[in-house]
Amino acid sequence: MTTKGVEHNGGAATGRSFLFVLGSSRPEGNTEALARAAAQQLPADVPQRWVDLSQVPLPDFQDGRHETDTWPVGENEEALRQATLEATDIVIASPLYWYTLSAQTKRYLDYWSGWLGVPGLDFKERMAGRTLWGVTVMSDRDEVVADALVTTLSHSAAYLRMRFGGVLLGNGSRPGQVRDDERATIRAKTFFQSEAARFPREDEDGKR
């Protein structure tokens, strides 16, 4: 994938591959810095793909589940869909905007709704068993204000029967300020080593 805003790191695949989805409106912001600090702890042979949503823009999502016309798939959507399906671990790196995900990040997740209905894609089945992680930096030092963001990602993982690795939280407002957050720096060193929560799979009747 050669779309602008996409960066590849890492060596040969070892069974795991990480997709980092950057949802900030500011390049090289605090959330990205914290995500990269955590990513530095991954083994060198684990592939990393970084996607900056500000550089891979998507039009506003239109729900066409009950329409007969098909929604035209653009180049950016197809690139993001393939990147999502190729990763075993998806990291949503979004600053805390109004106590939840950024607009770019929410739009990306809205497209998951569309991918669920694509005939033959089997998006839900293919996402099951993968791991969803979050990284966010906020100006408030009270981490409870990020509860809505954490809940959004946790419920999204549960719905798709993914594992949930939790959210790495940091504090900062001015550019680079998160690097002064000692607690976040310590957490970043072991974040991707933490045990991801496992959600129960649906049984044959679709019940939990």
Protein backbone atom coordinates (compact mmCIF):
# COMPACT_ATOMS: atom_id res chain seq x y z
CA MET A 1 0.00 0.00 0.00
CA THR A 2 1.58 3.26 -1.11
CA THR A 3 -1.11 5.70 -0.01
CA LYS A 4 0.20 8.98 1.40
CA GLY A 5 0.27 8.97 5.19
CA VAL A 6 1.17 5.28 5.50
CA GLU A 7 4.46 4.17 7.07
CA HIS A 8 5.83 0.63 7.30
CA ASN A 9 8.29 -0.54 9.94
CA GLY A 10 9.51 -3.92 11.14
CA GLY A 11 11.00 -7.05 9.68
CA ALA A 12 9.63 -10.40 8.64
CA ALA A 13 6.25 -11.43 10.00
CA THR A 14 6.31 -13.58 13.15
CA GLY A 15 2.58 -14.16 13.49
CA ARG A 16 1.76 -10.68 14.80
CA SER A 17 1.52 -7.40 12.95
CA PHE A 18 0.52 -4.01 14.33
CA LEU A 19 -1.55 -1.30 12.67
CA PHE A 20 -1.24 2.09 14.36
CA VAL A 21 -4.09 4.41 13.40
CA LEU A 22 -3.23 8.04 14.19
CA GLY A 23 -6.32 10.19 14.68
CA SER A 24 -4.91 13.57 15.65
CA SER A 25 -5.43 16.76 13.72
CA ARG A 26 -1.90 17.84 14.70
CA PRO A 27 1.12 16.09 13.16
CA GLU A 28 3.61 14.49 15.54
CA GLY A 29 1.43 15.30 18.52
CA ASN A 30 1.55 13.98 22.06
CA THR A 31 -0.61 10.93 21.38
CA GLU A 32 1.59 9.86 18.48
CA ALA A 33 4.69 10.39 20.62
CA LEU A 34 3.27 8.14 23.35
CA ALA A 35 2.22 5.50 20.82
CA ARG A 36 5.69 5.46 19.29
CA ALA A 37 7.27 5.14 22.74
CA ALA A 38 5.18 2.03 23.34
CA ALA A 39 5.88 0.69 19.84
CA GLN A 40 9.63 0.94 20.43
CA GLN A 41 9.29 -1.88 22.95
CA LEU A 42 7.93 -4.31 20.36
CA PRO A 43 10.36 -6.92 18.97
CA ALA A 44 12.14 -5.76 15.84
CA ASP A 45 10.70 -8.61 13.80
CA VAL A 46 7.07 -7.59 14.48
CA PRO A 47 5.83 -5.56 11.49
CA GLN A 48 4.36 -2.13 12.18
CA ARG A 49 2.19 -0.10 9.84
CA TRP A 50 1.40 3.51 10.74
CA VAL A 51 -1.55 5.30 9.16
CA ASP A 52 -2.17 9.02 9.69
CA LEU A 53 -5.89 9.57 9.11
CA SER A 54 -5.32 13.25 8.38
CA GLN A 55 -3.27 12.16 5.37
CA VAL A 56 -5.68 9.40 4.32
CA PRO A 57 -8.99 11.30 4.49
CA LEU A 58 -12.34 9.56 4.26
CA PRO A 59 -15.63 11.18 3.27
CA ASP A 60 -18.35 11.19 5.91
CA PHE A 61 -19.73 7.69 6.27
CA GLN A 62 -23.14 7.02 4.75
CA ASP A 63 -25.07 4.05 6.08
CA GLY A 64 -26.36 2.11 3.09
CA ARG A 65 -27.43 -1.10 4.79
CA HIS A 66 -31.03 -0.76 3.64
CA GLU A 67 -30.38 0.67 0.19
CA THR A 68 -30.11 -1.17 -3.10
CA ASP A 69 -27.32 0.99 -4.54
CA THR A 70 -23.77 0.11 -3.58
CA TRP A 71 -21.56 2.69 -1.88
CA PRO A 72 -18.57 3.54 -4.12
CA VAL A 73 -15.33 2.38 -2.53
CA GLY A 74 -12.58 4.99 -2.78
CA GLU A 75 -8.85 4.35 -2.81
CA ASN A 76 -8.35 5.53 0.77
CA GLU A 77 -11.18 3.38 2.09
CA GLU A 78 -9.86 0.29 0.35
CA ALA A 79 -6.33 0.95 1.63
CA LEU A 80 -7.57 1.33 5.21
CA ARG A 81 -9.78 -1.74 4.93
CA GLN A 82 -6.92 -3.90 3.71
CA ALA A 83 -4.57 -2.56 6.37
CA THR A 84 -7.16 -3.29 9.06
CA LEU A 85 -7.75 -6.85 7.91
CA GLU A 86 -4.04 -7.60 7.56
CA ALA A 87 -3.20 -6.65 11.16
CA THR A 88 -3.43 -8.91 14.17
CA ASP A 89 -3.25 -5.91 16.52
CA ILE A 90 -4.95 -2.59 15.85
CA VAL A 91 -3.91 0.43 17.92
CA ILE A 92 -6.26 3.42 17.94
CA ALA A 93 -4.12 6.44 18.81
CA SER A 94 -6.50 9.35 19.31
CA PRO A 95 -6.16 12.41 21.50
CA LEU A 96 -9.04 12.94 23.92
CA TYR A 97 -11.31 15.41 22.13
CA TRP A 98 -14.40 16.40 24.12
CA TYR A 99 -13.95 13.34 26.30
CA THR A 100 -13.97 10.81 23.48
CA LEU A 101 -12.35 9.90 20.15
CA SER A 102 -11.39 12.49 17.55
CA ALA A 103 -13.64 13.04 14.54
CA GLN A 104 -11.14 11.36 12.19
CA THR A 105 -10.96 8.29 14.40
CA LYS A 106 -14.72 8.02 14.86
CA ARG A 107 -15.19 8.26 11.08
CA TYR A 108 -12.72 5.39 10.60
CA LEU A 109 -14.68 3.24 13.06
CA ASP A 110 -17.94 4.22 11.34
CA TYR A 111 -16.56 2.62 8.20
CA TRP A 112 -16.25 -0.63 10.12
CA SER A 113 -20.06 -0.58 10.15
CA GLY A 114 -20.07 -0.47 6.36
CA TRP A 115 -17.48 -3.24 6.08
CA LEU A 116 -19.69 -5.48 8.21
CA GLY A 117 -22.23 -5.51 5.40
CA VAL A 118 -19.93 -6.11 2.43
CA PRO A 119 -20.94 -9.45 0.86
CA GLY A 120 -18.16 -12.01 1.06
CA LEU A 121 -15.85 -9.84 3.19
CA ASP A 122 -16.77 -11.60 6.47
CA PHE A 123 -15.43 -8.61 8.36
CA LYS A 124 -16.83 -9.59 11.75
CA GLU A 125 -15.62 -13.17 11.47
CA ARG A 126 -12.15 -12.09 10.37
CA MET A 127 -11.78 -9.51 13.14
CA ALA A 128 -12.67 -12.02 15.87
CA GLY A 129 -9.64 -13.00 17.94
CA ARG A 130 -7.54 -9.99 16.97
CA THR A 131 -6.60 -7.40 19.60
CA LEU A 132 -7.74 -3.80 19.85
CA TRP A 133 -5.60 -1.31 21.79
CA GLY A 134 -5.92 2.41 22.52
CA VAL A 135 -3.53 5.27 23.18
CA THR A 136 -4.69 8.73 24.21
CA VAL A 137 -3.21 11.88 25.72
CA MET A 138 -5.34 14.47 27.51
CA SER A 139 -4.79 17.80 29.19
CA ASP A 140 -6.76 16.79 32.30
CA ARG A 141 -4.81 14.91 34.94
CA ASP A 142 -7.91 13.09 36.16
CA GLU A 143 -7.91 9.94 34.04
CA VAL A 144 -11.60 9.29 34.70
CA VAL A 145 -12.43 11.87 32.02
CA ALA A 146 -11.25 9.35 29.41
CA ASP A 147 -13.81 6.74 30.49
CA ALA A 148 -16.05 7.36 27.47
CA LEU A 149 -13.16 6.75 25.06
CA VAL A 150 -12.17 3.57 26.89
CA THR A 151 -15.77 2.34 26.88
CA THR A 152 -16.14 3.00 23.15
CA LEU A 153 -13.11 0.89 22.30
CA SER A 154 -13.93 -1.82 24.82
CA HIS A 155 -17.49 -2.27 23.55
CA SER A 156 -16.31 -2.19 19.93
CA ALA A 157 -13.86 -4.99 20.66
CA ALA A 158 -16.52 -7.00 22.47
CA TYR A 159 -19.00 -6.66 19.62
CA LEU A 160 -16.48 -8.01 17.12
CA ARG A 161 -15.27 -10.68 19.55
CA MET A 162 -11.83 -9.14 19.59
CA ARG A 163 -9.48 -9.06 22.55
CA PHE A 164 -9.09 -5.67 24.26
CA GLY A 165 -5.65 -4.63 25.41
CA GLY A 166 -6.78 -1.49 27.22
CA VAL A 167 -5.85 2.16 26.73
CA LEU A 168 -2.47 3.73 27.42
CA LEU A 169 -3.18 7.11 29.03
CA GLY A 170 -0.91 10.13 29.10
CA ASN A 171 -1.04 13.77 30.11
CA GLY A 172 -0.06 16.72 27.95
CA SER A 173 -1.32 19.70 26.01
CA ARG A 174 1.58 21.62 24.54
CA PRO A 175 3.62 19.82 21.83
CA GLY A 176 5.95 17.25 23.39
CA GLN A 177 4.58 17.71 26.90
CA VAL A 178 3.68 14.04 27.28
CA ARG A 179 7.39 13.24 27.47
CA ASP A 180 7.34 14.88 30.91
CA ASP A 181 4.67 12.44 32.09
CA GLU A 182 6.81 9.91 33.95
CA ARG A 183 3.89 7.61 34.72
CA ALA A 184 2.91 7.38 31.04
CA THR A 185 6.52 6.74 30.04
CA ILE A 186 6.74 3.84 32.48
CA ARG A 187 3.43 2.39 31.30
CA ALA A 188 4.52 2.62 27.68
CA LYS A 189 7.47 0.33 28.27
CA THR A 190 5.26 -2.65 29.08
CA PHE A 191 1.91 -1.67 27.54
CA PHE A 192 1.93 -4.16 24.69
CA GLN A 193 3.08 -6.91 27.02
CA SER A 194 -0.10 -6.71 29.09
CA GLU A 195 -2.66 -9.49 28.89
CA ALA A 196 -5.53 -8.57 26.62
CA ALA A 197 -9.06 -9.14 27.86
CA ARG A 198 -10.85 -12.00 26.16
CA PHE A 199 -14.52 -11.61 25.35
CA PRO A 200 -16.83 -14.62 25.04
CA ARG A 201 -17.56 -15.78 21.53
CA GLU A 202 -21.12 -16.06 20.33
CA ASP A 203 -22.56 -19.56 20.29
CA GLU A 204 -24.13 -21.16 17.25
CA ASP A 205 -27.43 -19.35 17.88
CA GLY A 206 -25.72 -15.95 18.03
CA LYS A 207 -26.24 -15.64 21.78
CA ARG A 208 -23.58 -14.62 24.27
